[in-house]
C-alpha cells in the first residue's frame, strides 16, 4: 500500500526520504468521487484518519476532482495537498505491515 501518515513521526520520516525541495510524493490517502473535499478522507489500509497535515495557505483540501493525496517536499514544509490521481508525481512512499 501507499503509506498511511497517521502521526507527525511518520510525516517526518517520509520528509527525510524527500531529498529535493520539490520532491512531492504520493501517500495513501484518498476520498470517494463526489464527496466533499473537506471530509471523507481515508487511508488505503483503513487506519484511523486522526492526523492531518494540510497546506493551509491554499485552503487545502480544495479540489472537487482531486481524490488522491500527496505530501509536498520541503519547499512547502512537507504539508499535504489533494491532487488529481492522474497527476504524475516524482515519487511515492509505500509501507509494508509486519506480520507476527
Protein backbone atom coordinates (compact mmCIF):
# COMPACT_ATOMS: atom_id res chain seq x y z
CA UNK A 1 0.00 0.00 0.00
CA UNK A 2 0.91 3.63 -0.26
CA UNK A 3 1.94 4.84 3.20
CA UNK A 4 -0.59 5.93 5.80
CA UNK A 5 0.63 9.02 7.62
CA UNK A 6 -1.13 8.74 10.94
CA UNK A 7 1.18 10.92 13.05
CA UNK A 8 3.88 13.58 12.87
CA UNK A 9 6.62 10.98 13.29
CA UNK A 10 5.65 9.20 10.09
CA UNK A 11 5.33 12.54 8.28
CA UNK A 12 8.84 13.46 9.43
CA UNK A 13 10.23 10.07 8.37
CA UNK A 14 8.74 10.45 4.89
CA UNK A 15 10.08 14.02 4.73
CA UNK A 16 13.55 12.58 5.30
CA UNK A 17 13.11 10.45 2.17
CA UNK A 18 12.16 13.50 0.10
CA UNK A 19 15.69 14.68 -0.73
CA UNK A 20 14.90 17.55 -3.12
CA UNK A 21 12.78 20.51 -2.03
CA UNK A 22 10.35 19.77 -4.88
CA UNK A 23 10.11 16.00 -4.24
CA UNK A 24 6.34 15.72 -3.95
CA UNK A 25 5.27 12.16 -3.20
CA UNK A 26 2.05 10.18 -3.28
CA UNK A 27 0.91 8.87 0.10
CA UNK A 28 -2.01 6.56 0.86
CA UNK A 29 -4.94 8.89 1.41
CA UNK A 30 -7.96 9.09 -0.85
CA UNK A 31 -11.61 10.04 -0.81
CA UNK A 32 -14.63 8.82 -2.79
CA UNK A 33 -15.62 10.57 -6.02
CA UNK A 34 -18.40 13.09 -5.48
CA UNK A 35 -17.60 13.62 -1.81
CA UNK A 36 -16.91 16.98 -0.19
CA UNK A 37 -13.15 17.72 -0.42
CA UNK A 38 -13.08 18.69 3.27
CA UNK A 39 -14.42 15.35 4.54
CA UNK A 40 -14.40 11.68 3.64
CA UNK A 41 -10.63 11.14 3.50
CA UNK A 42 -9.49 7.60 4.25
CA UNK A 43 -6.21 5.71 4.43
CA UNK A 44 -5.93 2.84 1.95
CA UNK A 45 -5.08 0.41 4.76
CA UNK A 46 -8.13 1.56 6.79
CA UNK A 47 -6.04 3.18 9.53
CA UNK A 48 -7.89 5.82 11.53
CA UNK A 49 -7.83 9.30 9.92
CA UNK A 50 -6.77 11.06 13.12
CA UNK A 51 -3.83 13.19 11.96
CA UNK A 52 -3.97 15.88 9.26
CA UNK A 53 -1.22 18.00 7.73
CA UNK A 54 -2.89 20.15 5.05
CA UNK A 55 -1.17 23.04 3.29
CA UNK A 56 -3.37 25.80 4.69
CA UNK A 57 -2.35 28.91 2.65
CA UNK A 58 -4.21 27.49 -0.36
CA UNK A 59 -7.13 26.22 1.74
CA UNK A 60 -6.37 22.53 1.16
CA UNK A 61 -8.08 20.21 0.57
CA UNK A 62 -9.91 22.14 -2.11
CA UNK A 63 -10.25 20.16 -5.34
CA UNK A 64 -13.61 18.64 -6.23
CA UNK A 65 -11.92 16.16 -8.59
CA UNK A 66 -8.73 15.80 -6.56
CA UNK A 67 -9.24 12.42 -4.91
CA UNK A 68 -5.64 11.43 -4.11
CA UNK A 69 -3.15 12.72 -1.58
CA UNK A 70 0.42 13.92 -1.97
CA UNK A 71 2.95 15.15 0.55
CA UNK A 72 4.81 18.20 -0.69
CA UNK A 73 8.60 18.41 -0.47
CA UNK A 74 10.42 20.79 1.85
CA UNK A 75 9.51 23.91 -0.18
CA UNK A 76 6.05 23.62 1.43
CA UNK A 77 7.13 22.11 4.73
CA UNK A 78 6.11 18.53 3.85
CA UNK A 79 2.44 19.58 4.00
CA UNK A 80 -0.37 17.72 2.21
CA UNK A 81 -2.24 18.56 -0.97
CA UNK A 82 -5.20 16.86 -2.60
CA UNK A 83 -4.42 16.13 -6.24
CA UNK A 84 -5.97 14.61 -9.34
CA UNK A 85 -4.95 10.95 -9.28
CA UNK A 86 -3.74 11.16 -12.89
CA UNK A 87 -1.08 13.72 -11.98
CA UNK A 88 2.49 12.46 -12.44
CA UNK A 89 4.45 12.86 -9.22
CA UNK A 90 8.20 12.24 -8.95
CA UNK A 91 7.76 9.84 -6.06
CA UNK A 92 5.57 7.71 -3.89
CA UNK A 93 6.00 6.13 -0.47
CA UNK A 94 4.84 2.59 0.25
CA UNK A 95 4.60 0.73 3.51
CA UNK A 96 4.66 -2.92 4.39
CA UNK A 97 2.96 -4.14 7.53
CA UNK A 98 4.84 -6.52 9.78
CA UNK A 99 3.34 -9.92 10.26
CA UNK A 100 3.64 -11.76 13.55
